[in-house]
């Protein structure tokens, strides 16, 4: 029973450390030490070994977190590197859409799994009969605009949207 539990624990710890199976030499050393602790027969000694290993892993994780935080502080306010190939717009089919009764905002559910909600009320939107597709473009100040097309390719005016999920 104990060996089976320990085997599951080893597999879980190994997957947690290795993640996508491209581990560094340091990660492999931790797993090796973990397996060596598992070979210890005395329960108390094995527990001390595992506790010591866990303590060292936590210390390394905390040191890494401090390095990341220091780098973020050092990079604060710097201009971010531009993406060499930015995505400026997406095209998708509308699976369904709903309108909120109180705010009159529309929510669009797209075929790619994204959900977008209009920012202006429904009174300002000229929604075409049977909308079938949308083009969402990046606008100024990190906002997005959506153009809605019907089956015949006619478009409505652009409307500001925000992504829900």
Protein backbone atom coordinates (compact mmCIF):
# COMPACT_ATOMS: atom_id res chain seq x y z
CA UNK A 1 0.00 0.00 0.00
CA UNK A 2 2.75 2.46 0.96
CA UNK A 3 4.82 1.58 -2.11
CA UNK A 4 1.82 2.10 -4.41
CA UNK A 5 1.10 5.51 -2.86
CA UNK A 6 4.76 6.42 -3.14
CA UNK A 7 4.80 5.38 -6.82
CA UNK A 8 1.80 7.60 -7.57
CA UNK A 9 3.46 10.42 -5.63
CA UNK A 10 6.67 10.01 -7.66
CA UNK A 11 4.78 10.08 -10.97
CA UNK A 12 2.77 13.14 -9.92
CA UNK A 13 5.84 14.99 -8.68
CA UNK A 14 7.75 14.11 -11.85
CA UNK A 15 4.96 15.36 -14.12
CA UNK A 16 4.67 18.52 -12.02
CA UNK A 17 8.38 19.23 -12.30
CA UNK A 18 8.92 18.13 -15.87
CA UNK A 19 5.70 19.60 -17.26
CA UNK A 20 6.17 19.36 -20.99
CA UNK A 21 9.04 16.87 -20.66
CA UNK A 22 11.68 19.45 -21.55
CA UNK A 23 13.26 19.79 -18.12
CA UNK A 24 16.56 21.38 -17.31
CA UNK A 25 19.47 19.55 -15.70
CA UNK A 26 18.51 21.10 -12.36
CA UNK A 27 14.99 19.66 -12.61
CA UNK A 28 16.38 16.24 -13.47
CA UNK A 29 18.68 16.41 -10.45
CA UNK A 30 15.69 17.16 -8.21
CA UNK A 31 13.79 14.18 -9.61
CA UNK A 32 16.87 11.96 -9.13
CA UNK A 33 17.17 13.08 -5.50
CA UNK A 34 13.46 12.46 -5.06
CA UNK A 35 13.83 8.92 -6.35
CA UNK A 36 16.83 8.35 -4.06
CA UNK A 37 14.68 9.41 -1.11
CA UNK A 38 12.14 6.83 -2.21
CA UNK A 39 14.70 4.05 -1.95
CA UNK A 40 15.20 4.67 1.79
CA UNK A 41 13.50 1.88 3.78
CA UNK A 42 13.21 3.63 7.15
CA UNK A 43 10.01 5.72 7.20
CA UNK A 44 11.40 8.48 9.41
CA UNK A 45 14.61 8.79 7.39
CA UNK A 46 12.64 8.81 4.10
CA UNK A 47 10.37 11.55 5.47
CA UNK A 48 13.38 13.65 6.55
CA UNK A 49 14.88 13.22 3.08
CA UNK A 50 11.65 14.24 1.34
CA UNK A 51 11.15 17.20 3.71
CA UNK A 52 14.68 18.42 3.00
CA UNK A 53 14.14 18.07 -0.74
CA UNK A 54 10.83 19.93 -0.57
CA UNK A 55 12.45 22.71 1.44
CA UNK A 56 15.21 23.15 -1.16
CA UNK A 57 12.68 23.17 -4.02
CA UNK A 58 10.61 25.82 -2.23
CA UNK A 59 13.72 27.94 -1.65
CA UNK A 60 14.62 27.75 -5.35
CA UNK A 61 11.07 28.62 -6.35
CA UNK A 62 11.06 31.64 -4.03
CA UNK A 63 14.42 32.82 -5.39
CA UNK A 64 13.10 32.53 -8.94
CA UNK A 65 9.94 34.47 -8.01
CA UNK A 66 12.10 37.24 -6.50
CA UNK A 67 14.19 37.42 -9.70
CA UNK A 68 11.04 37.69 -11.83
CA UNK A 69 9.63 40.41 -9.57
CA UNK A 70 12.92 42.35 -9.68
CA UNK A 71 12.98 42.12 -13.49
CA UNK A 72 9.38 43.37 -13.70
CA UNK A 73 10.27 46.31 -11.47
CA UNK A 74 13.36 47.08 -13.56
CA UNK A 75 11.34 46.91 -16.80
CA UNK A 76 8.47 49.01 -15.48
CA UNK A 77 7.75 51.93 -17.81
CA UNK A 78 10.03 50.71 -20.60
CA UNK A 79 8.64 50.51 -24.08
CA UNK A 80 7.63 46.96 -24.84
CA UNK A 81 9.15 45.22 -27.82
CA UNK A 82 6.82 45.21 -30.79
CA UNK A 83 5.56 41.89 -32.04
CA UNK A 84 7.12 41.37 -35.49
CA UNK A 85 3.93 39.76 -36.78
CA UNK A 86 0.99 41.21 -34.81
CA UNK A 87 -2.56 40.01 -35.35
CA UNK A 88 -4.61 43.02 -36.37
CA UNK A 89 -7.99 41.39 -36.90
CA UNK A 90 -9.91 38.14 -36.72
CA UNK A 91 -12.77 36.81 -38.80
CA UNK A 92 -15.30 34.42 -37.34
CA UNK A 93 -18.79 33.04 -37.82
CA UNK A 94 -21.54 33.91 -35.37
CA UNK A 95 -23.01 30.85 -33.68
CA UNK A 96 -25.62 32.85 -31.77
CA UNK A 97 -26.17 36.24 -30.19
CA UNK A 98 -28.28 37.58 -27.34
CA UNK A 99 -29.41 41.01 -26.20
CA UNK A 100 -29.47 42.04 -22.56
CA UNK A 101 -32.95 43.30 -21.67
CA UNK A 102 -31.80 46.08 -19.35
CA UNK A 103 -28.60 47.40 -20.92
CA UNK A 104 -29.59 46.55 -24.52
CA UNK A 105 -26.03 45.33 -25.16
CA UNK A 106 -25.53 42.43 -27.54
CA UNK A 107 -23.40 39.40 -26.71
CA UNK A 108 -21.96 37.46 -29.67
CA UNK A 109 -20.89 33.81 -29.38
CA UNK A 110 -18.41 32.98 -32.14
CA UNK A 111 -17.47 29.65 -33.70
CA UNK A 112 -13.90 29.92 -32.40
CA UNK A 113 -15.16 29.83 -28.79
CA UNK A 114 -14.74 33.54 -28.13
CA UNK A 115 -17.51 35.64 -26.62
CA UNK A 116 -17.69 39.39 -27.30
CA UNK A 117 -20.06 42.02 -25.86
CA UNK A 118 -20.91 45.41 -27.33
CA UNK A 119 -20.08 48.46 -25.25
CA UNK A 120 -22.79 50.76 -26.60
CA UNK A 121 -26.50 50.18 -26.18
CA UNK A 122 -28.54 48.30 -28.76
CA UNK A 123 -30.28 51.49 -29.89
CA UNK A 124 -27.07 52.67 -31.56
CA UNK A 125 -26.41 49.41 -33.40
CA UNK A 126 -27.96 48.75 -36.75
CA UNK A 127 -28.08 44.98 -36.61
CA UNK A 128 -28.63 43.35 -39.96
CA UNK A 129 -31.17 40.62 -40.46
CA UNK A 130 -29.57 37.22 -39.90
CA UNK A 131 -25.98 38.26 -39.12
CA UNK A 132 -23.60 35.48 -40.08
CA UNK A 133 -20.02 36.64 -39.58
CA UNK A 134 -17.92 39.32 -37.93
CA UNK A 135 -14.54 40.97 -38.32
CA UNK A 136 -13.01 42.21 -35.07
CA UNK A 137 -10.17 44.71 -35.40
CA UNK A 138 -7.80 46.19 -32.88
CA UNK A 139 -8.58 49.86 -32.32
CA UNK A 140 -6.84 52.66 -30.41
CA UNK A 141 -5.96 52.48 -26.70
CA UNK A 142 -6.32 48.70 -26.58
CA UNK A 143 -9.98 48.66 -27.59
CA UNK A 144 -11.64 46.57 -30.29
CA UNK A 145 -14.23 47.27 -32.95
CA UNK A 146 -16.54 44.76 -34.61
CA UNK A 147 -18.10 44.88 -38.06
CA UNK A 148 -21.03 42.52 -38.54
CA UNK A 149 -21.80 40.93 -41.92
CA UNK A 150 -24.96 39.16 -43.08
CA UNK A 151 -25.27 36.25 -45.53
CA UNK A 152 -25.03 38.55 -48.54
CA UNK A 153 -21.86 40.24 -47.39
CA UNK A 154 -23.44 43.56 -46.39
CA UNK A 155 -21.95 45.11 -43.31
CA UNK A 156 -23.29 47.16 -40.45
CA UNK A 157 -21.44 50.07 -38.94
CA UNK A 158 -18.50 49.34 -36.66
CA UNK A 159 -19.30 49.01 -32.98
CA UNK A 160 -16.98 48.95 -29.96
CA UNK A 161 -16.76 45.56 -28.23
CA UNK A 162 -14.94 43.93 -25.35
CA UNK A 163 -14.03 40.29 -24.98
CA UNK A 164 -15.92 38.37 -22.34
CA UNK A 165 -14.04 35.06 -22.77
